[in-house]
Amino acid sequence: MAIHQNFPDARLIIVSLDKYRRKMNDVDIIPATEFLQDLWQRGIV
């Protein structure tokens, strides 16, 4: 994970077509619909 090495405090997110939100190691895997909802309503932090 080269990005994680350059930005160690960054939140790692994968937007996917999965049905459920999950976490794998330090990576948040977020369904696309939930990601867009979070982005527009609450903001991704």
N, C-alpha and C. Protein backbone atom coordinates (compact mmCIF):
# COMPACT_ATOMS: atom_id res chain seq x y z
N MET A 1 0.83 -1.18 0.00
CA MET A 1 0.00 0.00 0.00
C MET A 1 0.87 1.24 0.00
N ALA A 2 1.25 1.65 -1.17
CA ALA A 2 2.14 2.80 -1.32
C ALA A 2 1.50 4.09 -0.82
N ILE A 3 0.20 4.24 -1.03
CA ILE A 3 -0.47 5.46 -0.56
C ILE A 3 -0.40 5.55 0.96
N HIS A 4 -0.59 4.43 1.62
CA HIS A 4 -0.55 4.42 3.08
C HIS A 4 0.85 4.80 3.60
N GLN A 5 1.88 4.44 2.87
CA GLN A 5 3.24 4.80 3.27
C GLN A 5 3.47 6.30 3.14
N ASN A 6 2.91 6.90 2.10
CA ASN A 6 3.08 8.33 1.88
C ASN A 6 2.16 9.18 2.75
N PHE A 7 1.01 8.64 3.11
CA PHE A 7 0.01 9.36 3.90
C PHE A 7 -0.45 8.46 5.06
N PRO A 8 0.38 8.28 6.07
CA PRO A 8 0.07 7.32 7.13
C PRO A 8 -1.18 7.64 7.95
N ASP A 9 -1.61 8.90 7.98
CA ASP A 9 -2.80 9.27 8.76
C ASP A 9 -4.08 9.24 7.94
N ALA A 10 -3.98 8.93 6.65
CA ALA A 10 -5.14 8.94 5.77
C ALA A 10 -6.06 7.76 6.05
N ARG A 11 -7.34 7.97 5.83
CA ARG A 11 -8.31 6.88 5.93
C ARG A 11 -8.34 6.18 4.58
N LEU A 12 -8.16 4.88 4.60
CA LEU A 12 -8.13 4.11 3.35
C LEU A 12 -9.53 3.58 3.07
N ILE A 13 -10.05 3.91 1.89
CA ILE A 13 -11.42 3.54 1.52
C ILE A 13 -11.41 2.91 0.14
N ILE A 14 -12.17 1.83 0.02
CA ILE A 14 -12.46 1.23 -1.29
C ILE A 14 -13.97 1.33 -1.47
N VAL A 15 -14.40 1.91 -2.57
CA VAL A 15 -15.82 1.98 -2.90
C VAL A 15 -16.09 0.81 -3.83
N SER A 16 -17.06 -0.02 -3.44
CA SER A 16 -17.27 -1.26 -4.18
C SER A 16 -18.75 -1.51 -4.45
N LEU A 17 -19.00 -2.57 -5.17
CA LEU A 17 -20.37 -3.00 -5.43
C LEU A 17 -20.82 -4.05 -4.42
N ASP A 18 -20.05 -4.23 -3.35
CA ASP A 18 -20.44 -5.17 -2.30
C ASP A 18 -21.76 -4.73 -1.69
N LYS A 19 -22.44 -5.66 -1.06
CA LYS A 19 -23.73 -5.38 -0.46
C LYS A 19 -23.61 -4.75 0.93
N TYR A 20 -22.55 -5.10 1.67
CA TYR A 20 -22.41 -4.66 3.05
C TYR A 20 -21.09 -3.95 3.27
N ARG A 21 -21.11 -3.00 4.19
CA ARG A 21 -19.90 -2.29 4.59
C ARG A 21 -19.06 -3.24 5.45
N ARG A 22 -17.76 -3.20 5.26
CA ARG A 22 -16.88 -4.04 6.07
C ARG A 22 -15.51 -3.40 6.17
N LYS A 23 -14.68 -3.96 7.01
CA LYS A 23 -13.33 -3.47 7.19
C LYS A 23 -12.38 -4.63 7.01
N MET A 24 -11.33 -4.42 6.24
CA MET A 24 -10.34 -5.45 5.97
C MET A 24 -8.98 -4.84 6.26
N ASN A 25 -8.33 -5.33 7.31
CA ASN A 25 -7.10 -4.73 7.81
C ASN A 25 -7.39 -3.28 8.19
N ASP A 26 -6.76 -2.32 7.57
CA ASP A 26 -7.03 -0.91 7.87
C ASP A 26 -7.84 -0.22 6.78
N VAL A 27 -8.47 -1.01 5.91
CA VAL A 27 -9.18 -0.46 4.76
C VAL A 27 -10.69 -0.60 4.98
N ASP A 28 -11.42 0.52 4.83
CA ASP A 28 -12.88 0.49 4.87
C ASP A 28 -13.39 0.18 3.48
N ILE A 29 -14.21 -0.86 3.36
CA ILE A 29 -14.82 -1.22 2.08
C ILE A 29 -16.29 -0.81 2.19
N ILE A 30 -16.67 0.15 1.37
CA ILE A 30 -17.99 0.77 1.49
C ILE A 30 -18.75 0.56 0.18
N PRO A 31 -20.00 0.07 0.28
CA PRO A 31 -20.82 -0.03 -0.93
C PRO A 31 -20.99 1.35 -1.57
N ALA A 32 -21.04 1.38 -2.88
CA ALA A 32 -21.11 2.65 -3.61
C ALA A 32 -22.30 3.51 -3.17
N THR A 33 -23.44 2.88 -2.96
CA THR A 33 -24.62 3.67 -2.58
C THR A 33 -24.44 4.30 -1.20
N GLU A 34 -23.86 3.57 -0.26
CA GLU A 34 -23.60 4.13 1.07
C GLU A 34 -22.55 5.22 1.00
N PHE A 35 -21.53 5.02 0.19
CA PHE A 35 -20.47 6.02 0.05
C PHE A 35 -21.06 7.34 -0.45
N LEU A 36 -21.89 7.27 -1.49
CA LEU A 36 -22.48 8.50 -2.03
C LEU A 36 -23.40 9.16 -1.01
N GLN A 37 -24.15 8.35 -0.29
CA GLN A 37 -25.04 8.89 0.75
C GLN A 37 -24.22 9.59 1.84
N ASP A 38 -23.16 8.94 2.30
CA ASP A 38 -22.28 9.54 3.31
C ASP A 38 -21.63 10.81 2.78
N LEU A 39 -21.21 10.79 1.54
CA LEU A 39 -20.53 11.94 0.94
C LEU A 39 -21.44 13.16 0.89
N TRP A 40 -22.69 12.97 0.49
CA TRP A 40 -23.59 14.10 0.32
C TRP A 40 -24.26 14.52 1.63
N GLN A 41 -24.52 13.60 2.55
CA GLN A 41 -25.24 13.96 3.76
C GLN A 41 -24.32 14.34 4.91
N ARG A 42 -23.30 13.54 5.14
CA ARG A 42 -22.45 13.76 6.31
C ARG A 42 -21.04 14.14 5.95
N GLY A 43 -20.63 13.87 4.76
CA GLY A 43 -19.24 14.09 4.38
C GLY A 43 -18.40 12.89 4.80
N ILE A 44 -17.43 12.59 4.05
CA ILE A 44 -16.52 11.50 4.35
C ILE A 44 -15.37 12.07 5.16
N VAL A 45 -15.24 11.58 6.35
CA VAL A 45 -14.17 12.07 7.23
C VAL A 45 -13.27 10.92 7.60
